[in-house]
N, C-alpha and C. Protein backbone atom coordinates (compact mmCIF):
# COMPACT_ATOMS: atom_id res chain seq x y z
N MET A 1 119.52 103.37 127.95
CA MET A 1 119.96 102.02 128.32
C MET A 1 120.10 101.13 127.09
N LYS A 2 121.23 100.47 126.96
CA LYS A 2 121.45 99.55 125.85
C LYS A 2 120.55 98.32 126.02
N TRP A 3 120.25 97.66 124.89
CA TRP A 3 119.39 96.48 124.92
C TRP A 3 119.97 95.39 125.81
N SER A 4 121.29 95.19 125.72
CA SER A 4 121.93 94.14 126.51
C SER A 4 121.82 94.40 128.01
N GLU A 5 121.75 95.69 128.38
CA GLU A 5 121.67 96.05 129.79
C GLU A 5 120.31 95.71 130.41
N MET A 6 119.32 95.44 129.55
CA MET A 6 118.01 95.03 130.04
C MET A 6 118.12 93.70 130.80
N PHE A 7 119.14 92.92 130.46
CA PHE A 7 119.27 91.60 131.06
C PHE A 7 120.50 91.47 131.97
N THR A 8 121.31 92.54 132.06
CA THR A 8 122.54 92.46 132.85
C THR A 8 122.58 93.45 134.01
N SER A 9 122.07 94.67 133.81
CA SER A 9 122.11 95.67 134.86
C SER A 9 120.96 95.48 135.85
N SER A 10 121.11 96.02 137.06
CA SER A 10 120.06 95.91 138.08
C SER A 10 118.78 96.59 137.62
N VAL A 11 118.92 97.78 137.03
CA VAL A 11 117.75 98.52 136.54
C VAL A 11 117.07 97.75 135.42
N GLY A 12 117.89 97.20 134.51
CA GLY A 12 117.35 96.44 133.39
C GLY A 12 116.57 95.22 133.85
N LYS A 13 117.14 94.51 134.83
CA LYS A 13 116.45 93.32 135.36
C LYS A 13 115.11 93.70 135.98
N LYS A 14 115.08 94.84 136.70
CA LYS A 14 113.84 95.28 137.33
C LYS A 14 112.79 95.66 136.28
N VAL A 15 113.24 96.27 135.18
CA VAL A 15 112.32 96.62 134.09
C VAL A 15 111.73 95.37 133.47
N VAL A 16 112.58 94.37 133.21
CA VAL A 16 112.10 93.10 132.64
C VAL A 16 111.13 92.42 133.60
N MET A 17 111.46 92.45 134.89
CA MET A 17 110.58 91.87 135.90
C MET A 17 109.22 92.58 135.91
N ALA A 18 109.25 93.91 135.78
CA ALA A 18 108.01 94.69 135.79
C ALA A 18 107.17 94.39 134.55
N LEU A 19 107.81 94.38 133.38
CA LEU A 19 107.09 94.12 132.13
C LEU A 19 106.46 92.73 132.12
N THR A 20 107.27 91.73 132.46
CA THR A 20 106.75 90.36 132.47
C THR A 20 105.71 90.19 133.58
N GLY A 21 105.91 90.90 134.70
CA GLY A 21 104.96 90.82 135.80
C GLY A 21 103.59 91.34 135.39
N ILE A 22 103.55 92.49 134.71
CA ILE A 22 102.28 93.05 134.24
C ILE A 22 101.63 92.13 133.22
N PHE A 23 102.44 91.55 132.33
CA PHE A 23 101.93 90.59 131.35
C PHE A 23 101.30 89.39 132.05
N LEU A 24 101.94 88.88 133.08
CA LEU A 24 101.42 87.73 133.80
C LEU A 24 100.18 88.08 134.62
N ILE A 25 100.10 89.34 135.09
CA ILE A 25 98.90 89.79 135.78
C ILE A 25 97.71 89.78 134.82
N LEU A 26 97.93 90.23 133.59
CA LEU A 26 96.87 90.20 132.57
C LEU A 26 96.45 88.76 132.28
N PHE A 27 97.44 87.86 132.24
CA PHE A 27 97.13 86.45 132.03
C PHE A 27 96.26 85.90 133.16
N LEU A 28 96.59 86.29 134.40
CA LEU A 28 95.81 85.82 135.55
C LEU A 28 94.35 86.26 135.45
N ILE A 29 94.13 87.48 134.95
CA ILE A 29 92.77 87.99 134.80
C ILE A 29 91.98 87.11 133.83
N VAL A 30 92.60 86.79 132.69
CA VAL A 30 91.95 85.94 131.68
C VAL A 30 91.73 84.54 132.25
N HIS A 31 92.77 84.00 132.90
CA HIS A 31 92.72 82.63 133.40
C HIS A 31 91.65 82.46 134.49
N VAL A 32 91.61 83.40 135.43
CA VAL A 32 90.62 83.29 136.51
C VAL A 32 89.22 83.51 135.96
N GLY A 33 89.09 84.37 134.94
CA GLY A 33 87.78 84.60 134.32
C GLY A 33 87.26 83.35 133.63
N LEU A 34 88.15 82.68 132.90
CA LEU A 34 87.75 81.44 132.21
C LEU A 34 87.41 80.35 133.22
N ASN A 35 88.28 80.18 134.22
CA ASN A 35 88.06 79.11 135.19
C ASN A 35 86.83 79.34 136.06
N ALA A 36 86.45 80.61 136.21
CA ALA A 36 85.26 80.93 137.01
C ALA A 36 83.99 80.38 136.38
N CYS A 37 84.08 80.00 135.10
CA CYS A 37 82.91 79.43 134.41
C CYS A 37 82.47 78.11 135.04
N ILE A 38 83.34 77.48 135.85
CA ILE A 38 82.94 76.23 136.50
C ILE A 38 81.76 76.46 137.43
N TRP A 39 81.61 77.69 137.93
CA TRP A 39 80.53 77.98 138.87
C TRP A 39 79.20 78.23 138.18
N ALA A 40 79.17 78.10 136.85
CA ALA A 40 77.89 78.13 136.15
C ALA A 40 77.07 76.90 136.53
N ASN A 41 77.81 75.87 137.06
CA ASN A 41 77.18 74.63 137.55
C ASN A 41 76.29 74.00 136.48
N ASP A 42 76.81 73.99 135.24
CA ASP A 42 76.06 73.42 134.12
C ASP A 42 76.72 72.15 133.59
N GLY A 43 77.47 71.49 134.46
CA GLY A 43 78.17 70.28 134.05
C GLY A 43 79.43 70.55 133.25
N GLY A 44 79.88 71.78 133.30
CA GLY A 44 81.13 72.14 132.62
C GLY A 44 80.97 72.63 131.20
N LYS A 45 79.73 72.85 130.73
CA LYS A 45 79.51 73.25 129.33
C LYS A 45 80.17 74.60 129.02
N MET A 46 79.91 75.60 129.86
CA MET A 46 80.47 76.93 129.61
C MET A 46 82.00 76.91 129.73
N PHE A 47 82.49 76.23 130.77
CA PHE A 47 83.94 76.16 130.98
C PHE A 47 84.63 75.45 129.82
N ASN A 48 84.09 74.32 129.40
CA ASN A 48 84.71 73.56 128.31
C ASN A 48 84.65 74.31 126.98
N ALA A 49 83.59 75.11 126.80
CA ALA A 49 83.49 75.92 125.57
C ALA A 49 84.61 76.96 125.54
N GLY A 50 84.86 77.59 126.70
CA GLY A 50 85.94 78.56 126.78
C GLY A 50 87.30 77.90 126.62
N ALA A 51 87.47 76.74 127.25
CA ALA A 51 88.73 76.00 127.14
C ALA A 51 88.97 75.54 125.71
N HIS A 52 87.89 75.15 125.03
CA HIS A 52 88.01 74.73 123.62
C HIS A 52 88.47 75.90 122.75
N PHE A 53 87.89 77.07 122.98
CA PHE A 53 88.30 78.25 122.21
C PHE A 53 89.78 78.56 122.42
N MET A 54 90.21 78.55 123.67
CA MET A 54 91.60 78.86 123.98
C MET A 54 92.56 77.81 123.42
N GLY A 55 92.09 76.56 123.35
CA GLY A 55 92.97 75.49 122.90
C GLY A 55 92.98 75.26 121.41
N SER A 56 91.92 75.71 120.72
CA SER A 56 91.81 75.41 119.29
C SER A 56 92.03 76.62 118.40
N ASN A 57 91.97 77.82 118.98
CA ASN A 57 92.16 79.05 118.19
C ASN A 57 93.64 79.35 118.08
N ILE A 58 94.07 79.71 116.88
CA ILE A 58 95.50 79.91 116.61
C ILE A 58 96.08 81.08 117.40
N VAL A 59 95.29 82.14 117.62
CA VAL A 59 95.82 83.33 118.30
C VAL A 59 96.19 83.02 119.75
N PRO A 60 95.27 82.42 120.55
CA PRO A 60 95.69 82.06 121.92
C PRO A 60 96.86 81.09 121.96
N ARG A 61 96.94 80.20 120.95
CA ARG A 61 98.05 79.25 120.93
C ARG A 61 99.39 79.95 120.70
N ILE A 62 99.37 80.98 119.86
CA ILE A 62 100.59 81.76 119.63
C ILE A 62 100.94 82.56 120.89
N LEU A 63 99.90 83.16 121.51
CA LEU A 63 100.13 83.91 122.75
C LEU A 63 100.65 83.01 123.86
N GLU A 64 100.31 81.74 123.76
CA GLU A 64 100.77 80.75 124.74
C GLU A 64 102.30 80.68 124.77
N ILE A 65 102.90 80.81 123.59
CA ILE A 65 104.36 80.80 123.48
C ILE A 65 104.94 82.00 124.23
N GLY A 66 104.30 83.18 124.02
CA GLY A 66 104.72 84.39 124.72
C GLY A 66 104.54 84.26 126.22
N LEU A 67 103.48 83.53 126.62
CA LEU A 67 103.22 83.33 128.04
C LEU A 67 104.35 82.53 128.69
N PHE A 68 104.74 81.45 128.05
CA PHE A 68 105.83 80.63 128.60
C PHE A 68 107.15 81.41 128.62
N ALA A 69 107.37 82.20 127.55
CA ALA A 69 108.57 83.04 127.51
C ALA A 69 108.55 84.05 128.65
N GLY A 70 107.35 84.62 128.92
CA GLY A 70 107.21 85.57 130.02
C GLY A 70 107.48 84.93 131.37
N PHE A 71 106.96 83.72 131.55
CA PHE A 71 107.21 82.99 132.79
C PHE A 71 108.70 82.76 133.00
N ILE A 72 109.36 82.27 131.95
CA ILE A 72 110.78 81.94 132.06
C ILE A 72 111.60 83.19 132.36
N LEU A 73 111.33 84.28 131.62
CA LEU A 73 112.06 85.54 131.85
C LEU A 73 111.84 86.05 133.27
N HIS A 74 110.59 86.00 133.72
CA HIS A 74 110.25 86.50 135.05
C HIS A 74 110.98 85.69 136.13
N ILE A 75 110.99 84.39 135.95
CA ILE A 75 111.64 83.51 136.93
C ILE A 75 113.15 83.71 136.94
N VAL A 76 113.76 83.72 135.74
CA VAL A 76 115.22 83.85 135.63
C VAL A 76 115.69 85.19 136.18
N GLN A 77 115.03 86.27 135.76
CA GLN A 77 115.43 87.60 136.23
C GLN A 77 115.17 87.75 137.72
N GLY A 78 114.09 87.14 138.20
CA GLY A 78 113.80 87.19 139.63
C GLY A 78 114.87 86.49 140.47
N LEU A 79 115.30 85.33 139.99
CA LEU A 79 116.36 84.59 140.69
C LEU A 79 117.68 85.36 140.66
N MET A 80 117.98 85.97 139.51
CA MET A 80 119.22 86.74 139.39
C MET A 80 119.22 87.94 140.34
N LEU A 81 118.08 88.62 140.43
CA LEU A 81 117.96 89.75 141.35
C LEU A 81 118.08 89.30 142.80
N GLU A 82 117.48 88.15 143.10
CA GLU A 82 117.53 87.62 144.46
C GLU A 82 118.97 87.29 144.86
N PHE A 83 119.70 86.62 143.97
CA PHE A 83 121.10 86.27 144.27
C PHE A 83 121.96 87.52 144.38
N GLN A 84 121.66 88.50 143.52
CA GLN A 84 122.41 89.75 143.54
C GLN A 84 122.18 90.50 144.84
N ASN A 85 120.93 90.56 145.28
CA ASN A 85 120.61 91.25 146.53
C ASN A 85 121.21 90.54 147.74
N ARG A 86 121.19 89.21 147.70
CA ARG A 86 121.77 88.44 148.81
C ARG A 86 123.28 88.64 148.91
N SER A 87 123.93 88.72 147.75
CA SER A 87 125.38 88.91 147.76
C SER A 87 125.75 90.27 148.32
N ARG A 88 124.90 91.26 148.13
CA ARG A 88 125.15 92.60 148.65
C ARG A 88 124.88 92.69 150.15
N ARG A 89 124.11 91.71 150.67
CA ARG A 89 123.75 91.76 152.08
C ARG A 89 124.54 90.72 152.89
N LYS A 90 125.65 90.26 152.34
CA LYS A 90 126.42 89.21 153.02
C LYS A 90 126.82 89.60 154.44
N GLN A 91 127.20 90.87 154.61
CA GLN A 91 127.64 91.32 155.93
C GLN A 91 126.47 91.59 156.88
N GLY A 92 125.28 91.75 156.28
CA GLY A 92 124.09 91.97 157.10
C GLY A 92 124.05 93.35 157.72
N TYR A 93 123.01 93.58 158.51
CA TYR A 93 122.84 94.86 159.17
C TYR A 93 123.19 94.73 160.65
N SER A 94 123.72 95.79 161.22
CA SER A 94 124.07 95.76 162.64
C SER A 94 122.82 95.67 163.50
N VAL A 95 121.71 96.24 163.01
CA VAL A 95 120.44 96.17 163.72
C VAL A 95 119.39 95.65 162.75
N ALA A 96 118.68 94.60 163.15
CA ALA A 96 117.66 94.03 162.26
C ALA A 96 116.51 95.01 162.12
N MET A 97 116.19 95.35 160.88
CA MET A 97 115.14 96.34 160.64
C MET A 97 113.75 95.72 160.70
N GLY A 98 113.64 94.44 160.32
CA GLY A 98 112.34 93.78 160.32
C GLY A 98 111.37 94.49 159.39
N ASN A 99 110.11 94.59 159.81
CA ASN A 99 109.08 95.22 158.98
C ASN A 99 109.20 96.73 158.92
N LYS A 100 110.10 97.32 159.73
CA LYS A 100 110.30 98.77 159.66
C LYS A 100 110.99 99.15 158.35
N GLY A 101 111.86 98.26 157.87
CA GLY A 101 112.56 98.52 156.62
C GLY A 101 111.73 98.12 155.41
N SER A 102 111.12 96.94 155.48
CA SER A 102 110.26 96.44 154.41
C SER A 102 109.43 95.30 154.96
N LYS A 103 108.31 95.02 154.30
CA LYS A 103 107.45 93.94 154.73
C LYS A 103 108.12 92.60 154.47
N TRP A 104 107.77 91.59 155.27
CA TRP A 104 108.43 90.28 155.15
C TRP A 104 108.22 89.67 153.78
N TYR A 105 107.03 89.91 153.17
CA TYR A 105 106.76 89.29 151.87
C TYR A 105 107.58 89.94 150.75
N SER A 106 107.94 91.22 150.93
CA SER A 106 108.80 91.86 149.92
C SER A 106 110.23 91.35 150.04
N ARG A 107 110.62 90.90 151.26
CA ARG A 107 111.95 90.33 151.45
C ARG A 107 111.98 88.85 151.10
N SER A 108 110.81 88.26 150.86
CA SER A 108 110.72 86.81 150.63
C SER A 108 110.21 86.48 149.23
N MET A 109 110.40 87.41 148.28
CA MET A 109 109.91 87.19 146.93
C MET A 109 110.54 85.97 146.28
N GLY A 110 111.81 85.71 146.61
CA GLY A 110 112.49 84.54 146.05
C GLY A 110 111.85 83.24 146.50
N ILE A 111 111.57 83.15 147.81
CA ILE A 111 110.94 81.95 148.37
C ILE A 111 109.53 81.78 147.83
N LEU A 112 108.77 82.87 147.83
CA LEU A 112 107.39 82.81 147.33
C LEU A 112 107.37 82.44 145.85
N GLY A 113 108.30 83.03 145.09
CA GLY A 113 108.38 82.72 143.66
C GLY A 113 108.72 81.25 143.42
N THR A 114 109.59 80.69 144.26
CA THR A 114 109.96 79.27 144.13
C THR A 114 108.77 78.37 144.43
N LEU A 115 107.98 78.71 145.46
CA LEU A 115 106.79 77.93 145.78
C LEU A 115 105.78 77.98 144.63
N ILE A 116 105.64 79.16 144.03
CA ILE A 116 104.72 79.31 142.89
C ILE A 116 105.22 78.50 141.70
N LEU A 117 106.55 78.48 141.48
CA LEU A 117 107.13 77.70 140.39
C LEU A 117 106.83 76.21 140.58
N LEU A 118 107.02 75.71 141.79
CA LEU A 118 106.73 74.29 142.07
C LEU A 118 105.25 73.99 141.84
N PHE A 119 104.39 74.92 142.26
CA PHE A 119 102.96 74.76 142.03
C PHE A 119 102.65 74.73 140.53
N LEU A 120 103.30 75.61 139.76
CA LEU A 120 103.07 75.66 138.31
C LEU A 120 103.46 74.36 137.63
N VAL A 121 104.56 73.76 138.06
CA VAL A 121 105.01 72.49 137.49
C VAL A 121 103.93 71.43 137.66
N VAL A 122 103.35 71.36 138.87
CA VAL A 122 102.29 70.40 139.14
C VAL A 122 101.04 70.74 138.33
N HIS A 123 100.68 72.02 138.30
CA HIS A 123 99.48 72.47 137.58
C HIS A 123 99.57 72.16 136.08
N ILE A 124 100.72 72.44 135.49
CA ILE A 124 100.92 72.16 134.07
C ILE A 124 100.86 70.65 133.81
N SER A 125 101.46 69.87 134.70
CA SER A 125 101.44 68.41 134.58
C SER A 125 100.03 67.85 134.71
N ASP A 126 99.22 68.47 135.55
CA ASP A 126 97.85 67.99 135.79
C ASP A 126 96.92 68.29 134.62
N PHE A 127 97.06 69.47 134.02
CA PHE A 127 96.06 69.90 133.05
C PHE A 127 96.61 70.22 131.66
N TRP A 128 97.60 71.11 131.59
CA TRP A 128 98.05 71.58 130.27
C TRP A 128 98.68 70.46 129.43
N LEU A 129 99.60 69.72 130.01
CA LEU A 129 100.30 68.66 129.26
C LEU A 129 99.35 67.56 128.79
N PRO A 130 98.47 67.02 129.65
CA PRO A 130 97.55 65.99 129.17
C PRO A 130 96.65 66.48 128.04
N ASN A 131 96.19 67.73 128.15
CA ASN A 131 95.29 68.26 127.12
C ASN A 131 96.02 68.48 125.80
N ARG A 132 97.22 69.07 125.88
CA ARG A 132 97.98 69.32 124.65
C ARG A 132 98.45 68.00 124.02
N ALA A 133 98.77 67.02 124.84
CA ALA A 133 99.18 65.71 124.32
C ALA A 133 98.03 65.06 123.56
N ASN A 134 96.82 65.27 124.03
CA ASN A 134 95.64 64.72 123.36
C ASN A 134 95.32 65.46 122.07
N GLN A 135 95.60 66.77 122.06
CA GLN A 135 95.26 67.60 120.91
C GLN A 135 96.21 67.40 119.74
N GLY A 136 97.43 67.00 120.00
CA GLY A 136 98.41 67.00 118.93
C GLY A 136 99.04 68.37 118.85
N PHE A 137 99.66 68.71 117.73
CA PHE A 137 100.43 69.95 117.62
C PHE A 137 99.56 71.19 117.71
N LEU A 138 98.51 71.27 116.89
CA LEU A 138 97.66 72.46 116.92
C LEU A 138 96.19 72.12 117.19
N LEU A 139 95.65 71.18 116.42
CA LEU A 139 94.25 70.84 116.57
C LEU A 139 94.10 69.34 116.75
N GLY A 140 93.09 68.92 117.45
CA GLY A 140 92.88 67.50 117.67
C GLY A 140 91.84 67.28 118.74
N GLU A 141 91.79 66.11 119.28
CA GLU A 141 90.82 65.79 120.32
C GLU A 141 91.26 66.38 121.65
N GLU A 142 90.32 66.99 122.33
CA GLU A 142 90.60 67.56 123.65
C GLU A 142 90.05 66.66 124.75
N ILE A 143 90.69 66.70 125.89
CA ILE A 143 90.11 66.01 127.04
C ILE A 143 89.05 66.91 127.65
N ASP A 144 88.15 66.32 128.40
CA ASP A 144 87.13 67.10 129.11
C ASP A 144 87.80 67.68 130.36
N LEU A 145 88.22 68.95 130.28
CA LEU A 145 88.97 69.56 131.38
C LEU A 145 88.13 69.71 132.64
N TYR A 146 86.83 69.85 132.47
CA TYR A 146 85.96 69.96 133.65
C TYR A 146 85.97 68.66 134.43
N VAL A 147 85.84 67.55 133.72
CA VAL A 147 85.90 66.23 134.34
C VAL A 147 87.28 65.99 134.94
N LYS A 148 88.31 66.44 134.22
CA LYS A 148 89.68 66.30 134.72
C LYS A 148 89.86 67.05 136.03
N MET A 149 89.33 68.27 136.11
CA MET A 149 89.42 69.06 137.34
C MET A 149 88.71 68.34 138.49
N ARG A 150 87.54 67.79 138.18
CA ARG A 150 86.77 67.10 139.21
C ARG A 150 87.53 65.87 139.74
N GLU A 151 88.23 65.19 138.85
CA GLU A 151 89.01 64.01 139.25
C GLU A 151 90.24 64.40 140.06
N VAL A 152 90.99 65.40 139.57
CA VAL A 152 92.23 65.82 140.23
C VAL A 152 91.95 66.34 141.63
N PHE A 153 90.87 67.10 141.77
CA PHE A 153 90.60 67.75 143.06
C PHE A 153 89.80 66.89 144.03
N GLN A 154 89.85 65.58 143.82
CA GLN A 154 89.30 64.66 144.82
C GLN A 154 90.39 64.17 145.77
N THR A 155 91.65 64.47 145.43
CA THR A 155 92.79 64.04 146.24
C THR A 155 93.16 65.14 147.22
N GLU A 156 93.16 64.79 148.50
CA GLU A 156 93.33 65.80 149.55
C GLU A 156 94.66 66.54 149.44
N TRP A 157 95.78 65.81 149.23
CA TRP A 157 97.08 66.47 149.23
C TRP A 157 97.23 67.41 148.03
N VAL A 158 96.56 67.07 146.93
CA VAL A 158 96.59 67.95 145.75
C VAL A 158 95.87 69.26 146.06
N VAL A 159 94.73 69.16 146.72
CA VAL A 159 93.97 70.36 147.10
C VAL A 159 94.80 71.24 148.02
N VAL A 160 95.47 70.62 149.00
CA VAL A 160 96.32 71.36 149.92
C VAL A 160 97.46 72.05 149.17
N LEU A 161 98.07 71.32 148.23
CA LEU A 161 99.15 71.90 147.43
C LEU A 161 98.68 73.11 146.65
N TYR A 162 97.50 73.03 146.06
CA TYR A 162 96.95 74.16 145.30
C TYR A 162 96.66 75.34 146.22
N LEU A 163 96.20 75.06 147.42
CA LEU A 163 95.93 76.14 148.37
C LEU A 163 97.23 76.84 148.76
N VAL A 164 98.29 76.07 148.99
CA VAL A 164 99.60 76.65 149.30
C VAL A 164 100.08 77.52 148.14
N GLY A 165 99.88 77.03 146.91
CA GLY A 165 100.25 77.81 145.72
C GLY A 165 99.49 79.12 145.64
N CYS A 166 98.20 79.07 145.95
CA CYS A 166 97.36 80.28 145.90
C CYS A 166 97.74 81.28 146.98
N ILE A 167 98.05 80.78 148.17
CA ILE A 167 98.48 81.67 149.25
C ILE A 167 99.82 82.34 148.90
N SER A 168 100.73 81.55 148.34
CA SER A 168 102.02 82.10 147.92
C SER A 168 101.84 83.15 146.85
N LEU A 169 100.91 82.88 145.91
CA LEU A 169 100.62 83.85 144.85
C LEU A 169 100.08 85.15 145.43
N ALA A 170 99.22 85.04 146.44
CA ALA A 170 98.63 86.24 147.05
C ALA A 170 99.72 87.13 147.65
N TRP A 171 100.64 86.56 148.42
CA TRP A 171 101.72 87.34 149.03
C TRP A 171 102.66 87.89 147.96
N HIS A 172 102.92 87.09 146.93
CA HIS A 172 103.80 87.51 145.84
C HIS A 172 103.22 88.72 145.11
N LEU A 173 101.91 88.67 144.85
CA LEU A 173 101.24 89.77 144.15
C LEU A 173 101.15 91.02 145.03
N LEU A 174 101.03 90.83 146.32
CA LEU A 174 100.87 91.97 147.23
C LEU A 174 102.05 92.93 147.10
N HIS A 175 103.24 92.38 146.89
CA HIS A 175 104.41 93.23 146.66
C HIS A 175 104.60 93.52 145.17
N GLY A 176 104.47 92.48 144.34
CA GLY A 176 104.80 92.60 142.93
C GLY A 176 103.92 93.55 142.14
N PHE A 177 102.63 93.61 142.48
CA PHE A 177 101.69 94.46 141.74
C PHE A 177 102.12 95.92 141.77
N GLN A 178 102.27 96.45 142.98
CA GLN A 178 102.63 97.87 143.09
C GLN A 178 104.09 98.11 142.71
N SER A 179 104.94 97.10 142.93
CA SER A 179 106.36 97.23 142.61
C SER A 179 106.57 97.42 141.11
N ALA A 180 105.76 96.74 140.30
CA ALA A 180 105.88 96.85 138.84
C ALA A 180 105.65 98.29 138.37
N PHE A 181 104.65 98.94 138.94
CA PHE A 181 104.34 100.32 138.54
C PHE A 181 105.38 101.31 139.10
N ARG A 182 105.89 101.03 140.28
CA ARG A 182 106.95 101.88 140.83
C ARG A 182 108.20 101.83 139.94
N THR A 183 108.47 100.68 139.37
CA THR A 183 109.63 100.52 138.49
C THR A 183 109.54 101.46 137.30
N PHE A 184 108.32 101.70 136.83
CA PHE A 184 108.12 102.59 135.68
C PHE A 184 107.97 104.05 136.08
N GLY A 185 108.29 104.34 137.34
CA GLY A 185 108.37 105.74 137.75
C GLY A 185 107.10 106.35 138.28
N VAL A 186 106.10 105.55 138.59
CA VAL A 186 104.88 106.10 139.18
C VAL A 186 105.18 106.52 140.61
N SER A 187 105.17 107.81 140.87
CA SER A 187 105.52 108.32 142.20
C SER A 187 104.48 109.28 142.77
N ASN A 188 103.53 109.68 141.94
CA ASN A 188 102.47 110.57 142.41
C ASN A 188 101.67 109.88 143.52
N LYS A 189 101.51 110.56 144.65
CA LYS A 189 100.86 109.96 145.82
C LYS A 189 99.43 109.51 145.49
N LYS A 190 98.73 110.30 144.70
CA LYS A 190 97.35 109.95 144.35
C LYS A 190 97.32 108.65 143.57
N TYR A 191 98.18 108.53 142.54
CA TYR A 191 98.21 107.33 141.72
C TYR A 191 98.76 106.14 142.50
N LEU A 192 99.75 106.39 143.35
CA LEU A 192 100.32 105.30 144.15
C LEU A 192 99.27 104.73 145.10
N SER A 193 98.47 105.60 145.68
CA SER A 193 97.41 105.16 146.59
C SER A 193 96.40 104.29 145.84
N LEU A 194 96.06 104.71 144.61
CA LEU A 194 95.11 103.95 143.79
C LEU A 194 95.70 102.59 143.42
N ILE A 195 96.98 102.60 143.00
CA ILE A 195 97.65 101.36 142.60
C ILE A 195 97.77 100.40 143.79
N ASN A 196 98.11 100.93 144.96
CA ASN A 196 98.22 100.09 146.15
C ASN A 196 96.87 99.46 146.51
N THR A 197 95.80 100.25 146.39
CA THR A 197 94.45 99.74 146.68
C THR A 197 94.07 98.65 145.68
N LEU A 198 94.31 98.92 144.38
CA LEU A 198 94.01 97.93 143.35
C LEU A 198 94.86 96.67 143.56
N GLY A 199 96.13 96.88 143.94
CA GLY A 199 97.03 95.75 144.15
C GLY A 199 96.58 94.86 145.29
N ILE A 200 96.14 95.48 146.39
CA ILE A 200 95.66 94.70 147.53
C ILE A 200 94.40 93.92 147.15
N ALA A 201 93.47 94.61 146.45
CA ALA A 201 92.23 93.95 146.02
C ALA A 201 92.53 92.79 145.08
N PHE A 202 93.41 93.02 144.12
CA PHE A 202 93.77 91.99 143.15
C PHE A 202 94.44 90.80 143.85
N SER A 203 95.33 91.11 144.81
CA SER A 203 96.09 90.08 145.52
C SER A 203 95.21 89.22 146.40
N ILE A 204 94.03 89.72 146.75
CA ILE A 204 93.10 88.95 147.56
C ILE A 204 92.09 88.21 146.69
N ILE A 205 91.46 88.94 145.76
CA ILE A 205 90.35 88.39 144.98
C ILE A 205 90.79 87.26 144.05
N VAL A 206 91.86 87.49 143.27
CA VAL A 206 92.27 86.50 142.27
C VAL A 206 92.77 85.20 142.91
N PRO A 207 93.73 85.25 143.87
CA PRO A 207 94.14 84.00 144.52
C PRO A 207 93.00 83.31 145.27
N LEU A 208 92.10 84.10 145.88
CA LEU A 208 90.96 83.51 146.59
C LEU A 208 90.06 82.75 145.62
N ALA A 209 89.82 83.35 144.44
CA ALA A 209 89.00 82.68 143.42
C ALA A 209 89.65 81.38 142.97
N PHE A 210 90.96 81.43 142.75
CA PHE A 210 91.68 80.20 142.36
C PHE A 210 91.60 79.15 143.47
N ALA A 211 91.73 79.58 144.72
CA ALA A 211 91.70 78.64 145.84
C ALA A 211 90.33 78.00 146.00
N LEU A 212 89.28 78.75 145.69
CA LEU A 212 87.93 78.22 145.84
C LEU A 212 87.60 77.15 144.79
N MET A 213 88.37 77.13 143.70
CA MET A 213 88.07 76.16 142.63
C MET A 213 88.32 74.72 143.07
N PRO A 214 89.52 74.37 143.58
CA PRO A 214 89.69 72.99 144.06
C PRO A 214 88.79 72.68 145.25
N LEU A 215 88.55 73.67 146.11
CA LEU A 215 87.67 73.44 147.26
C LEU A 215 86.24 73.14 146.81
N SER A 216 85.80 73.81 145.74
CA SER A 216 84.44 73.62 145.24
C SER A 216 84.24 72.19 144.75
N PHE A 217 85.26 71.63 144.08
CA PHE A 217 85.16 70.25 143.62
C PHE A 217 85.31 69.26 144.77
N TYR A 218 86.27 69.54 145.65
CA TYR A 218 86.55 68.61 146.75
C TYR A 218 85.35 68.45 147.68
N PHE A 219 84.69 69.56 148.01
CA PHE A 219 83.57 69.51 148.93
C PHE A 219 82.22 69.31 148.23
N GLY A 220 82.26 69.17 146.90
CA GLY A 220 81.04 68.88 146.16
C GLY A 220 80.09 70.05 146.04
N TRP A 221 80.64 71.28 146.09
CA TRP A 221 79.78 72.45 145.93
C TRP A 221 79.27 72.58 144.51
N ILE A 222 80.02 72.02 143.57
CA ILE A 222 79.58 71.97 142.17
C ILE A 222 79.72 70.52 141.69
N LYS A 223 78.93 70.17 140.70
CA LYS A 223 78.95 68.78 140.19
C LYS A 223 79.48 68.73 138.77
């Protein structure tokens, strides 16, 4: 496959989606691990220490650029695949297959991805932009992100919005996790069974952990 076909052919788009998807899955592991420090219930000391490291160390800051590039590529290629698939289905099927053909969430990746994108815009506006604006270009004064989380998650509609984002992420991952490995040719039943099990567990545990964070602040489970 030519390099240009990675971004133009159907197979190329799926490969890019799989690569960026796995990269973003790794990011979610790091992100949920760092954010889970809020449950140390130490007034945010452990969480802020981790946030300070990620915000002040040059390596995570460089990786941050790759993260945004990964997000953009994943979104753009996902939208292109969605439009391409829709154009091929213009005539539709004579008999609706429903879940017999594929699960509803695998047919709704475009909608779920759009909901996650809207959630990301709000999330970045709430936390990343204010913190980076305070820091300056590379190093500078940081805001207390723990206090910021506590303030943001006192608003009911914000908490609901984050919950919708987490639910959308769960359904998106339920298809995307195993789909990424299938794209790279994993077809052995033993490995597919393991990947599907890991995918289901990941799709439940990680979004659930993220969802519990705003709820923990809103209901005062942590101070």
